[in-house]
Amino acid sequence: MTERRAHVLVVGQPGEGMGPAVPAWIDPLVARGHRVECVHAAAEALDEALGSFLPDVVVVDAGDPRLAEWVERVRAARGSASIVALAARTDAALLGQAVLEGADQALPREAGAEAIVALVRRAWEKPRYAEQAASAERAAHEELDLSRFPGIVGSHPVMIRLLRRVAQVARSRATVLIHGETGTGKELIAGAIHTNSKRAAGPFVKLNCAALAESVLESELFGHERGAFTGAQARRIGRFEQADGGTLFLDEVSELSLSLQVKLLRFLQERELERVGGNETVKVDVRVVAATNEDLGALVKSGRFREDLYYRLNVVRLEVPPLRARPSDVLELASHFLVELAAENEVEVSGFTEAAKQALLAHPWPGNVRALRNAIETAVVLCEGERVDVGDLPLEPAGEGDALQAMVPGVTLEELERWAILRTLRAMGSVQAAADALGISKRTIQYRLQSWGLTAKELLRDEA
């Protein structure tokens, strides 16, 4: 069966807002057999092209003030088409605004031809997987079976949304990047992706990229041949080969050196490797799931992380929420850890006093779930009664403003922004009032909440 190629319509002639005279990303599309047609950014030209060219993908300029109009015209004439907005630069606000105005995808042109071609491929395959998508959408509204996620505790809406995405992502072969603060449970999410995938019967291999020196890490990843270096007395099989047929979880992937990033990129492109000190090419079938608590986009800008590797890893991105974003889960997690740790330490502790519960709820938990578990373990060891009291918990007294103070050491501007928006929204009771108090637009708050997997309605309902 002949493979159908995509019809790509570029709104705005090259040089008219879409970049240089001949955008570098057009040639690779044409070389792959896709049809590309450029039209002037005028309503009549767009309407004519939509009626005759029947595009699968429509590429627009994210900075064009007429973007919303173009989206409306495309949806009316060619509802099945995917809309991609390209920005002249990496600008989170501009890209987010393009999505809010109806674009399916938005990315900077500097992402490169490979990223744009990948988006086109997904659009061109859209009809083939339409039924699968519809099935996934139906499943998303069904009751989520939490038994599919052993070890993960929580029923806050933001966690339920994350687990639904995990279930969907697990069925695919896509590389996944998990982002979240230290202690949020990124390894558990990676494990859930594996156990809910078709690779569940295969190995789940883990490696912390920050725990080993570069020379050792290369051998751990790719293996080595006998005599490759002093002390290499026998061939060693690396983690990639160990994970053949399964999943390899690379934690703290931001800590890879630039030289190892090149080798990881090559593996992701070719699915083959060479052991250290060898020249034999070894092919392996491995799904890579990576995790980081760093902003890889910022590391790309600073030259500490390769942009091409970033886009290879960031095919699907999952954000693991900090514990402060899921406050209703605190006591559920605390009770879970209490039962587990009481059994481990062979002590009889049945629960928490009301004062202890209030202290747990009031604490900001800058160390997230890991810090909560450590606190419960301390309390179990120190507790002299049947229930954990506030004095058994290793917590500093919480006062007004302590939540922000606890975040300050090492806090990022993104985290400060998140804290300010959420705290102000809860205090003011509406998005508009919070926007006025912060001196930002209502749309900015809505976009930030969407990017964090939250809605104003549920936040304000939790406060009611």
Protein backbone atom coordinates (compact mmCIF):
# COMPACT_ATOMS: atom_id res chain seq x y z
CA MET A 1 0.00 0.00 0.00
CA THR A 2 1.42 3.40 -0.98
CA GLU A 3 2.02 5.66 1.99
CA ARG A 4 0.04 8.89 1.78
CA ARG A 5 2.03 12.10 2.05
CA ALA A 6 0.88 15.20 3.84
CA HIS A 7 -0.44 18.39 2.29
CA VAL A 8 1.15 21.31 4.17
CA LEU A 9 -0.20 24.81 3.71
CA VAL A 10 2.01 27.72 4.86
CA VAL A 11 0.02 30.91 5.51
CA GLY A 12 2.25 33.87 4.69
CA GLN A 13 4.62 33.70 1.74
CA PRO A 14 8.23 32.98 2.75
CA GLY A 15 9.65 36.34 3.74
CA GLU A 16 6.24 37.63 4.87
CA GLY A 17 6.49 36.83 8.55
CA MET A 18 7.44 33.16 8.20
CA GLY A 19 11.17 33.82 8.23
CA PRO A 20 13.89 33.86 5.56
CA ALA A 21 13.23 33.75 1.82
CA VAL A 22 13.17 29.95 1.82
CA PRO A 23 12.51 28.56 5.32
CA ALA A 24 15.00 25.80 6.12
CA TRP A 25 12.25 23.44 7.28
CA ILE A 26 10.42 23.36 3.92
CA ASP A 27 13.10 21.48 1.95
CA PRO A 28 13.08 18.42 4.28
CA LEU A 29 9.30 18.19 3.93
CA VAL A 30 9.49 18.27 0.13
CA ALA A 31 12.37 15.79 0.15
CA ARG A 32 10.18 13.34 2.05
CA GLY A 33 7.46 13.62 -0.58
CA HIS A 34 5.12 15.97 1.27
CA ARG A 35 3.35 18.65 -0.76
CA VAL A 36 3.97 22.16 0.47
CA GLU A 37 2.10 25.23 -0.74
CA CYS A 38 2.61 28.79 0.48
CA VAL A 39 -0.13 31.41 0.29
CA HIS A 40 -0.20 35.11 1.08
CA ALA A 41 -1.56 36.06 4.48
CA ALA A 42 -4.83 37.27 3.03
CA ALA A 43 -8.31 35.91 3.68
CA GLU A 44 -9.15 35.33 0.00
CA ALA A 45 -5.92 33.43 -0.70
CA LEU A 46 -6.36 31.28 2.39
CA ASP A 47 -9.99 30.42 1.59
CA GLU A 48 -9.05 29.43 -1.97
CA ALA A 49 -6.20 27.19 -0.80
CA LEU A 50 -8.36 25.52 1.84
CA GLY A 51 -10.95 24.68 -0.81
CA SER A 52 -8.57 23.31 -3.44
CA PHE A 53 -5.43 22.11 -1.67
CA LEU A 54 -7.18 20.28 1.23
CA PRO A 55 -4.28 20.58 3.69
CA ASP A 56 -3.53 18.13 6.49
CA VAL A 57 -1.41 20.73 8.26
CA VAL A 58 -1.66 24.51 8.21
CA VAL A 59 1.40 26.45 9.37
CA VAL A 60 0.83 29.99 10.61
CA ASP A 61 2.91 32.73 12.22
CA ALA A 62 2.49 32.77 16.02
CA GLY A 63 3.10 36.51 16.06
CA ASP A 64 0.51 37.43 13.42
CA PRO A 65 -2.27 39.57 14.96
CA ARG A 66 -4.72 37.80 12.62
CA LEU A 67 -3.90 34.35 14.06
CA ALA A 68 -7.32 33.87 15.66
CA GLU A 69 -8.97 34.73 12.32
CA TRP A 70 -6.80 32.21 10.43
CA VAL A 71 -7.64 29.51 12.98
CA GLU A 72 -11.36 30.20 12.65
CA ARG A 73 -11.22 30.01 8.85
CA VAL A 74 -9.22 26.76 8.89
CA ARG A 75 -11.59 25.12 11.39
CA ALA A 76 -14.62 26.12 9.34
CA ALA A 77 -13.27 24.90 6.01
CA ARG A 78 -11.00 22.01 7.00
CA GLY A 79 -11.83 20.85 10.51
CA SER A 80 -9.55 17.81 10.37
CA ALA A 81 -6.42 19.87 9.66
CA SER A 82 -3.84 20.40 12.38
CA ILE A 83 -2.70 23.96 12.96
CA VAL A 84 0.95 24.60 13.80
CA ALA A 85 2.06 28.07 14.91
CA LEU A 86 5.74 28.94 14.44
CA ALA A 87 7.31 31.72 16.47
CA ALA A 88 10.32 33.75 15.42
CA ARG A 89 11.96 33.06 18.78
CA THR A 90 11.60 30.98 21.92
CA ASP A 91 9.00 33.01 23.79
CA ALA A 92 6.81 31.07 26.22
CA ALA A 93 4.16 33.81 26.37
CA LEU A 94 3.92 34.05 22.58
CA LEU A 95 3.76 30.28 22.13
CA GLY A 96 1.18 29.94 24.89
CA GLN A 97 -0.94 32.69 23.39
CA ALA A 98 -0.93 30.90 20.03
CA VAL A 99 -2.31 27.74 21.69
CA LEU A 100 -4.94 29.75 23.55
CA GLU A 101 -6.05 31.21 20.22
CA GLY A 102 -6.61 27.74 18.76
CA ALA A 103 -3.33 26.36 17.41
CA ASP A 104 -2.84 22.62 18.04
CA GLN A 105 0.92 22.99 18.38
CA ALA A 106 3.27 25.92 18.81
CA LEU A 107 7.04 25.94 18.70
CA PRO A 108 9.90 28.26 17.80
CA ARG A 109 11.35 28.02 14.30
CA GLU A 110 14.73 27.52 15.93
CA ALA A 111 13.50 24.11 17.06
CA GLY A 112 14.68 23.06 13.62
CA ALA A 113 13.43 21.12 10.63
CA GLU A 114 13.43 17.78 12.43
CA ALA A 115 10.93 18.93 15.07
CA ILE A 116 8.64 20.48 12.45
CA VAL A 117 8.78 17.38 10.24
CA ALA A 118 7.86 15.27 13.28
CA LEU A 119 4.75 17.39 13.85
CA VAL A 120 3.79 17.00 10.18
CA ARG A 121 4.15 13.24 10.42
CA ARG A 122 1.78 13.08 13.40
CA ALA A 123 -0.76 15.17 11.49
CA TRP A 124 -0.50 12.99 8.41
CA GLU A 125 -1.07 9.87 10.49
CA LYS A 126 -4.04 11.44 12.28
CA PRO A 127 -6.81 9.69 10.25
CA ARG A 128 -5.14 6.31 10.73
CA TYR A 129 -5.34 6.66 14.50
CA ALA A 130 -8.63 8.53 14.72
CA GLU A 131 -10.47 5.57 16.23
CA GLN A 132 -7.69 4.95 18.73
CA ALA A 133 -7.86 8.59 19.76
CA ALA A 134 -11.63 8.38 20.14
CA SER A 135 -11.23 5.26 22.25
CA ALA A 136 -8.66 6.98 24.44
CA GLU A 137 -10.97 9.97 24.84
CA ARG A 138 -13.80 7.69 25.96
CA ALA A 139 -11.47 5.93 28.38
CA ALA A 140 -10.41 9.28 29.83
CA HIS A 141 -13.97 9.84 31.06
CA GLU A 142 -14.32 6.41 32.61
CA GLU A 143 -13.42 5.53 36.17
CA LEU A 144 -9.64 5.40 36.57
CA ASP A 145 -8.45 2.08 37.99
CA LEU A 146 -5.86 3.20 40.55
CA SER A 147 -4.72 -0.40 41.06
CA ARG A 148 -2.86 -0.01 37.76
CA PHE A 149 -0.46 2.38 39.52
CA PRO A 150 1.04 0.49 42.48
CA GLY A 151 2.92 2.66 44.94
CA ILE A 152 1.30 5.89 43.74
CA VAL A 153 -1.04 7.41 46.32
CA GLY A 154 -3.32 10.37 45.69
CA SER A 155 -6.79 11.28 44.48
CA HIS A 156 -6.42 15.04 43.97
CA PRO A 157 -7.72 16.07 40.51
CA VAL A 158 -4.25 17.12 39.37
CA MET A 159 -2.92 13.62 40.15
CA ILE A 160 -5.85 11.90 38.47
CA ARG A 161 -5.18 13.93 35.30
CA LEU A 162 -1.52 12.94 35.43
CA LEU A 163 -2.35 9.25 35.83
CA ARG A 164 -4.79 9.40 32.93
CA ARG A 165 -1.98 10.81 30.78
CA VAL A 166 0.36 8.09 32.03
CA ALA A 167 -2.15 5.44 30.96
CA GLN A 168 -2.43 7.00 27.49
CA VAL A 169 1.31 7.52 27.07
CA ALA A 170 2.08 3.97 28.21
CA ARG A 171 0.30 2.51 25.18
CA SER A 172 2.60 4.33 22.76
CA ARG A 173 6.28 3.86 21.89
CA ALA A 174 7.13 7.54 22.38
CA THR A 175 10.10 8.74 24.38
CA VAL A 176 8.90 10.47 27.56
CA LEU A 177 10.41 13.33 29.56
CA ILE A 178 9.19 13.55 33.16
CA HIS A 179 9.70 16.90 34.86
CA GLY A 180 9.14 17.69 38.50
CA GLU A 181 10.76 18.94 41.66
CA THR A 182 12.97 16.73 43.80
CA GLY A 183 10.95 14.25 45.83
CA THR A 184 7.75 14.33 43.78
CA GLY A 185 7.94 10.68 42.66
CA LYS A 186 9.24 10.85 39.10
CA GLU A 187 10.65 7.32 39.31
CA LEU A 188 7.23 5.97 40.33
CA ILE A 189 5.67 7.65 37.29
CA ALA A 190 8.34 6.10 35.04
CA GLY A 191 7.62 2.70 36.57
CA ALA A 192 3.88 3.19 35.98
CA ILE A 193 4.54 3.94 32.30
CA HIS A 194 6.46 0.67 32.01
CA THR A 195 3.99 -1.54 33.91
CA ASN A 196 1.06 -0.21 31.86
CA SER A 197 2.82 -0.67 28.52
CA LYS A 198 3.18 -3.61 26.14
CA ARG A 199 6.75 -3.87 27.47
CA ALA A 200 5.60 -4.74 30.99
CA ALA A 201 6.97 -8.28 30.69
CA GLY A 202 10.39 -6.88 29.78
CA PRO A 203 12.96 -5.36 32.15
CA PHE A 204 12.62 -1.96 33.79
CA VAL A 205 16.19 -0.70 34.18
CA LYS A 206 17.04 2.46 36.12
CA LEU A 207 20.11 4.69 36.13
CA ASN A 208 20.73 7.93 38.02
CA CYS A 209 22.91 10.02 35.72
CA ALA A 210 24.03 12.26 38.59
CA ALA A 211 25.37 9.42 40.72
CA LEU A 212 28.37 8.39 38.61
CA ALA A 213 31.47 10.00 37.11
CA GLU A 214 31.42 10.51 33.33
CA SER A 215 33.92 7.73 32.58
CA VAL A 216 31.95 5.25 34.68
CA LEU A 217 28.59 6.45 33.37
CA GLU A 218 29.55 5.80 29.74
CA SER A 219 30.42 2.19 30.59
CA GLU A 220 27.22 1.82 32.65
CA LEU A 221 25.11 3.01 29.73
CA PHE A 222 26.80 1.39 26.75
CA GLY A 223 28.88 -1.39 28.31
CA HIS A 224 32.53 -2.08 27.52
CA GLU A 225 34.74 -4.71 25.94
CA ARG A 226 37.50 -6.56 27.72
CA GLY A 227 40.66 -4.43 27.83
CA ALA A 228 38.81 -1.21 26.98
CA PHE A 229 40.53 0.46 29.93
CA THR A 230 42.56 -0.45 33.00
CA GLY A 231 40.56 -2.87 35.10
CA ALA A 232 38.23 -3.96 32.28
CA GLN A 233 38.98 -7.67 32.62
CA ALA A 234 35.80 -8.88 30.95
CA ARG A 235 33.05 -7.65 28.67
CA ARG A 236 30.32 -5.73 30.48
CA ILE A 237 26.76 -5.36 29.19
CA GLY A 238 25.48 -1.79 29.66
CA ARG A 239 22.08 -0.60 30.79
CA PHE A 240 20.79 -0.16 27.24
CA GLU A 241 21.41 -3.84 26.47
CA GLN A 242 20.09 -4.89 29.87
CA ALA A 243 16.84 -3.07 29.06
CA ASP A 244 16.41 -4.71 25.64
CA GLY A 245 12.70 -5.40 25.13
CA GLY A 246 11.80 -3.15 28.05
CA THR A 247 12.26 0.37 29.38
CA LEU A 248 15.33 2.34 30.44
CA PHE A 249 14.73 5.09 32.98
CA LEU A 250 17.38 7.82 32.98
CA ASP A 251 16.97 9.92 36.11
CA GLU A 252 18.62 13.37 36.36
CA VAL A 253 19.30 13.30 32.61
CA SER A 254 20.33 16.96 32.79
CA GLU A 255 23.57 15.84 34.46
CA LEU A 256 24.88 14.07 31.34
CA SER A 257 28.03 15.61 29.91
CA LEU A 258 27.86 17.07 26.41
CA SER A 259 29.91 14.17 25.02
CA LEU A 260 27.51 11.61 26.49
CA GLN A 261 24.56 13.65 25.24
CA VAL A 262 25.92 13.17 21.70
CA LYS A 263 26.04 9.39 22.21
CA LEU A 264 22.56 9.29 23.72
CA LEU A 265 21.24 11.32 20.77
CA ARG A 266 22.79 8.87 18.33
CA PHE A 267 21.17 5.95 20.13
CA LEU A 268 17.75 7.62 20.07
CA GLN A 269 18.13 8.26 16.34
CA GLU A 270 19.59 4.90 15.28
CA ARG A 271 18.55 2.53 18.11
CA GLU A 272 22.05 1.06 18.05
CA LEU A 273 25.25 1.43 20.07
CA GLU A 274 28.88 0.44 20.35
CA ARG A 275 30.38 -0.71 23.63
CA VAL A 276 33.32 1.27 24.99
CA GLY A 277 36.50 -0.09 23.41
CA GLY A 278 34.60 -2.05 20.75
CA ASN A 279 33.59 -1.57 17.14
CA GLU A 280 30.67 -3.99 16.96
CA THR A 281 27.31 -2.30 16.34
CA VAL A 282 24.64 -3.64 18.67
CA LYS A 283 20.95 -3.04 17.95
CA VAL A 284 18.56 -2.99 20.90
CA ASP A 285 14.84 -2.38 21.32
CA VAL A 286 14.50 -0.02 24.28
CA ARG A 287 12.03 2.65 25.25
CA VAL A 288 13.72 5.57 26.97
CA VAL A 289 11.99 7.49 29.76
CA ALA A 290 14.03 10.40 31.15
CA ALA A 291 13.47 12.60 34.18
CA THR A 292 14.82 15.88 35.48
CA ASN A 293 14.10 18.57 38.02
CA GLU A 294 15.92 21.12 35.86
CA ASP A 295 14.52 23.43 33.19
CA LEU A 296 16.08 21.80 30.12
CA GLY A 297 14.96 24.68 27.93
CA ALA A 298 17.05 27.05 30.05
CA LEU A 299 20.00 24.63 29.94
CA VAL A 300 19.74 24.60 26.13
CA LYS A 301 19.96 28.40 26.08
CA SER A 302 23.01 28.35 28.35
CA GLY A 303 24.77 25.76 26.18
CA ARG A 304 24.75 23.04 28.85
CA PHE A 305 22.27 20.78 27.05
CA ARG A 306 22.01 19.96 23.36
CA GLU A 307 18.93 21.36 21.68
CA ASP A 308 18.57 18.38 19.31
CA LEU A 309 18.67 15.95 22.25
CA TYR A 310 16.14 18.07 24.14
CA TYR A 311 13.61 17.74 21.31
CA ARG A 312 14.33 14.01 21.01
CA LEU A 313 13.63 13.46 24.70
CA ASN A 314 10.72 15.87 24.94
CA VAL A 315 8.39 13.97 22.57
CA VAL A 316 5.88 13.57 25.41
CA ARG A 317 6.31 15.65 28.56
CA LEU A 318 4.72 14.78 31.88
CA GLU A 319 4.69 17.29 34.73
CA VAL A 320 4.66 15.72 38.20
CA PRO A 321 3.01 18.21 40.57
CA PRO A 322 4.68 19.25 43.83
CA LEU A 323 2.91 18.22 47.01
CA ARG A 324 1.77 21.80 47.68
CA ALA A 325 -0.28 21.63 44.43
CA ARG A 326 -2.21 18.59 45.73
CA PRO A 327 -2.96 19.50 49.38
CA SER A 328 -5.87 17.09 49.71
CA ASP A 329 -3.41 14.20 49.23
CA VAL A 330 -1.23 15.07 52.25
CA LEU A 331 -3.20 13.14 54.86
CA GLU A 332 -3.84 10.24 52.48
CA LEU A 333 -0.10 9.92 51.86
CA ALA A 334 0.70 10.37 55.55
CA SER A 335 -1.69 7.53 56.52
CA HIS A 336 -0.22 5.30 53.81
CA PHE A 337 3.32 5.90 55.05
CA LEU A 338 2.24 5.44 58.68
CA VAL A 339 0.92 1.93 58.03
CA GLU A 340 3.96 0.98 55.93
CA LEU A 341 6.59 2.36 58.34
CA ALA A 342 4.87 1.13 61.51
CA ALA A 343 5.02 -2.39 60.10
CA GLU A 344 8.67 -1.98 59.08
CA ASN A 345 9.65 -0.72 62.53
CA GLU A 346 7.38 -3.19 64.36
CA VAL A 347 5.55 -0.56 66.38
CA GLU A 348 1.83 -0.11 67.05
CA VAL A 349 0.76 3.33 65.89
CA SER A 350 -2.82 3.65 64.68
CA GLY A 351 -3.15 7.20 63.39
CA PHE A 352 -2.69 10.93 64.01
CA THR A 353 -4.07 13.34 66.56
CA GLU A 354 -6.11 16.26 65.25
CA ALA A 355 -3.24 18.62 66.08
CA ALA A 356 -0.83 16.46 64.08
CA LYS A 357 -3.19 16.44 61.09
CA GLN A 358 -3.43 20.23 61.16
CA ALA A 359 0.36 20.53 61.35
CA LEU A 360 0.78 18.19 58.36
CA LEU A 361 -1.73 20.20 56.33
CA ALA A 362 -0.16 23.55 57.27
CA HIS A 363 3.41 22.56 56.35
CA PRO A 364 4.57 23.73 52.86
CA TRP A 365 6.56 20.52 52.15
CA PRO A 366 9.36 22.00 50.03
CA GLY A 367 10.87 18.50 49.88
CA ASN A 368 7.57 17.08 48.57
CA VAL A 369 6.48 13.45 49.05
CA ARG A 370 9.97 12.26 49.99
CA ALA A 371 10.14 14.80 52.81
CA LEU A 372 6.68 13.77 54.02
CA ARG A 373 7.72 10.13 54.15
CA ASN A 374 10.87 10.99 56.10
CA ALA A 375 8.81 13.04 58.56
CA ILE A 376 6.38 10.16 59.14
CA GLU A 377 9.28 7.73 59.66
CA THR A 378 10.73 10.03 62.32
CA ALA A 379 7.32 10.34 63.98
CA VAL A 380 6.82 6.55 64.01
CA VAL A 381 10.18 6.07 65.73
CA LEU A 382 9.61 8.82 68.31
CA CYS A 383 5.92 8.24 69.02
CA GLU A 384 5.23 6.89 72.52
CA GLY A 385 1.46 6.65 72.29
CA GLU A 386 -1.04 4.99 69.98
CA ARG A 387 -1.31 8.04 67.75
CA VAL A 388 1.29 10.42 66.32
CA ASP A 389 1.06 13.84 67.97
CA VAL A 390 2.35 17.16 66.68
CA GLY A 391 5.40 16.94 68.95
CA ASP A 392 6.47 13.70 67.25
CA LEU A 393 6.67 15.39 63.85
CA PRO A 394 9.99 17.03 62.86
CA LEU A 395 8.29 20.20 61.61
CA GLU A 396 9.08 23.84 62.29
CA PRO A 397 6.06 25.84 63.49
CA ALA A 398 4.25 27.25 60.46
CA GLY A 399 3.32 30.93 60.48
CA GLU A 400 1.96 33.32 57.88
CA GLY A 401 4.45 33.46 55.02
CA ASP A 402 6.42 30.38 56.13
CA ALA A 403 5.42 28.54 52.94
CA LEU A 404 7.27 31.06 50.79
CA GLN A 405 10.27 31.24 53.14
CA ALA A 406 10.64 27.46 53.00
CA MET A 407 10.78 27.66 49.20
CA VAL A 408 13.42 30.39 48.93
CA PRO A 409 16.71 28.40 49.22
CA GLY A 410 17.33 27.30 45.64
CA VAL A 411 13.88 28.36 44.45
CA THR A 412 13.45 29.18 40.76
CA LEU A 413 11.60 32.19 39.39
CA GLU A 414 9.04 29.79 37.91
CA GLU A 415 8.32 28.37 41.38
CA LEU A 416 8.02 31.85 42.90
CA GLU A 417 5.61 32.83 40.12
CA ARG A 418 3.55 29.70 40.72
CA TRP A 419 3.40 30.33 44.47
CA ALA A 420 2.37 33.98 43.97
CA ILE A 421 -0.37 33.18 41.45
CA LEU A 422 -1.89 30.28 43.40
CA ARG A 423 -1.73 32.09 46.76
CA THR A 424 -3.23 35.28 45.32
CA LEU A 425 -5.95 33.40 43.45
CA ARG A 426 -7.03 31.58 46.60
CA ALA A 427 -6.96 34.81 48.61
CA MET A 428 -8.85 36.94 46.06
CA GLY A 429 -11.39 34.30 45.04
CA SER A 430 -11.46 35.03 41.29
CA VAL A 431 -9.08 35.09 38.34
CA GLN A 432 -9.83 38.72 37.47
CA ALA A 433 -9.28 39.94 41.06
CA ALA A 434 -6.02 37.98 41.28
CA ALA A 435 -4.85 39.41 37.95
CA ASP A 436 -5.60 42.96 39.14
CA ALA A 437 -3.74 42.39 42.41
CA LEU A 438 -0.67 40.95 40.64
CA GLY A 439 -0.66 43.51 37.83
CA ILE A 440 -0.89 40.88 35.08
CA SER A 441 -3.58 39.90 32.59
CA LYS A 442 -6.37 37.45 33.29
CA ARG A 443 -5.24 35.47 30.24
CA THR A 444 -1.73 35.08 31.69
CA ILE A 445 -3.15 33.43 34.83
CA GLN A 446 -5.37 31.14 32.74
CA TYR A 447 -2.42 30.08 30.59
CA ARG A 448 -0.21 29.45 33.63
CA LEU A 449 -2.91 27.33 35.30
CA GLN A 450 -3.38 25.34 32.09
CA SER A 451 0.38 24.67 31.86
CA TRP A 452 0.35 23.41 35.47
CA GLY A 453 -2.62 21.11 34.87
CA LEU A 454 -4.92 23.17 37.11
CA THR A 455 -8.14 25.13 36.74
CA ALA A 456 -9.34 28.12 38.75
CA LYS A 457 -12.66 26.41 39.35
CA GLU A 458 -11.21 23.41 41.16
CA LEU A 459 -8.70 25.52 43.12
CA LEU A 460 -11.41 27.78 44.41
CA ARG A 461 -13.68 24.79 45.09
CA ASP A 462 -10.90 23.23 47.23
CA GLU A 463 -10.78 26.46 49.23
CA ALA A 464 -14.53 26.57 49.76
